[in-house]
Amino acid sequence: MEIIRSSEFRQVYAIGAIGGHSPYDFRIAFYNDSPKAIVEGGKHVTIMERKIDTEIILSPLAAKELATWLSSHIQDYEKIFGEIKKPGTQSSNVQANESTHIMGYM
């Protein structure tokens, strides 16, 4: 198999993802957050602006294969560099219900 990059190829760094699924596909939108100063009620206020840079749409099978691939690579990474910890967590045993949800469409 020959792998080539399309003329439209670009790399995007993302700090997070949101998305969801339907019976037909999985959607994952990748975003970055940055502070933005606005004037609200005569006061200067800083809000976080979330910019969605790209979205991918996967078949259920492709989503499952991506999850398996990503899990395998995370395990390999942690074997080399140590456990990936969420900021602000005391314990390395973060419960599944404490993770960020990415269900539902935008």
Protein backbone atom coordinates (compact mmCIF):
# COMPACT_ATOMS: atom_id res chain seq x y z
CA MET A 1 0.00 0.00 0.00
CA GLU A 2 1.30 3.44 -0.90
CA ILE A 3 0.36 6.22 1.50
CA ILE A 4 0.31 9.77 0.14
CA ARG A 5 -0.96 13.05 1.59
CA SER A 6 -3.67 14.89 -0.29
CA SER A 7 -3.00 18.42 -1.46
CA GLU A 8 -5.50 19.54 1.22
CA PHE A 9 -3.67 17.76 4.07
CA ARG A 10 -3.02 19.83 7.19
CA GLN A 11 -2.08 19.05 10.76
CA VAL A 12 -4.25 20.42 13.56
CA TYR A 13 -3.28 20.52 17.24
CA ALA A 14 -6.29 20.15 19.51
CA ILE A 15 -6.71 20.36 23.27
CA GLY A 16 -10.01 18.54 23.27
CA ALA A 17 -12.80 16.84 21.38
CA ILE A 18 -16.57 16.84 21.41
CA GLY A 19 -18.91 14.71 19.41
CA GLY A 20 -21.47 12.01 19.40
CA HIS A 21 -23.02 9.21 17.44
CA SER A 22 -26.11 8.15 15.58
CA PRO A 23 -27.04 4.68 14.36
CA TYR A 24 -25.10 5.51 11.18
CA ASP A 25 -21.90 7.27 12.20
CA PHE A 26 -19.64 8.71 14.88
CA ARG A 27 -18.61 12.37 14.78
CA ILE A 28 -15.62 13.86 16.56
CA ALA A 29 -14.92 17.60 16.41
CA PHE A 30 -11.51 18.78 17.61
CA TYR A 31 -11.17 22.16 19.27
CA ASN A 32 -8.87 24.66 20.95
CA ASP A 33 -9.78 27.11 23.72
CA SER A 34 -8.34 30.59 24.12
CA PRO A 35 -9.20 33.54 26.36
CA LYS A 36 -11.10 36.39 24.73
CA ALA A 37 -11.70 39.83 26.24
CA ILE A 38 -15.19 41.28 25.80
CA VAL A 39 -17.13 44.20 27.24
CA GLU A 40 -20.28 43.14 29.05
CA GLY A 41 -22.41 45.64 30.95
CA GLY A 42 -19.65 48.22 30.75
CA LYS A 43 -17.13 45.84 32.32
CA HIS A 44 -14.20 44.10 30.67
CA VAL A 45 -14.74 40.36 31.02
CA THR A 46 -12.57 37.48 29.89
CA ILE A 47 -14.35 34.46 28.45
CA MET A 48 -13.03 31.31 26.90
CA GLU A 49 -13.59 31.01 23.17
CA ARG A 50 -13.79 27.46 21.82
CA LYS A 51 -12.79 27.20 18.18
CA ILE A 52 -13.64 23.98 16.38
CA ASP A 53 -10.90 23.35 13.85
CA THR A 54 -12.03 20.12 12.23
CA GLU A 55 -14.56 17.31 12.46
CA ILE A 56 -14.22 13.72 11.37
CA ILE A 57 -17.12 11.40 10.60
CA LEU A 58 -16.53 7.66 10.99
CA SER A 59 -18.56 4.55 10.36
CA PRO A 60 -19.26 2.54 13.55
CA LEU A 61 -16.63 -0.02 12.49
CA ALA A 62 -14.02 2.66 11.79
CA ALA A 63 -14.79 4.29 15.18
CA LYS A 64 -14.31 0.98 16.97
CA GLU A 65 -11.03 0.35 15.14
CA LEU A 66 -9.87 3.88 16.02
CA ALA A 67 -10.71 3.29 19.70
CA THR A 68 -8.72 0.04 19.70
CA TRP A 69 -5.76 1.67 17.93
CA LEU A 70 -5.78 4.69 20.25
CA SER A 71 -6.04 2.53 23.39
CA SER A 72 -3.09 0.43 22.25
CA HIS A 73 -0.96 3.52 21.60
CA ILE A 74 -1.89 5.06 24.96
CA GLN A 75 -0.79 1.84 26.70
CA ASP A 76 2.52 1.91 24.80
CA TYR A 77 3.04 5.59 25.68
CA GLU A 78 2.38 4.97 29.39
CA LYS A 79 4.80 2.05 29.46
CA ILE A 80 7.53 4.39 28.23
CA PHE A 81 6.65 7.73 29.85
CA GLY A 82 4.42 6.81 32.80
CA GLU A 83 0.74 7.24 33.49
CA ILE A 84 -1.07 10.11 31.81
CA LYS A 85 -2.85 11.95 34.62
CA LYS A 86 -5.64 14.46 34.42
CA PRO A 87 -4.75 17.84 35.94
CA GLY A 88 -6.14 18.25 39.44
CA THR A 89 -6.62 14.56 40.15
CA GLN A 90 -5.17 13.27 43.40
CA SER A 91 -5.43 9.60 42.60
CA SER A 92 -4.32 7.64 39.59
CA ASN A 93 -7.65 5.77 39.80
CA VAL A 94 -9.90 8.26 38.02
CA GLN A 95 -13.36 6.75 37.73
CA ALA A 96 -14.98 6.45 34.32
CA ASN A 97 -17.87 8.70 35.37
CA GLU A 98 -15.38 11.50 36.15
CA SER A 99 -14.15 11.74 32.56
CA THR A 100 -15.30 14.40 30.13
CA HIS A 101 -18.34 13.33 28.14
CA ILE A 102 -18.21 13.73 24.37
CA MET A 103 -21.66 12.36 23.61
CA GLY A 104 -24.34 14.18 21.63
CA TYR A 105 -24.14 16.27 18.52
CA MET A 106 -23.07 19.89 18.61
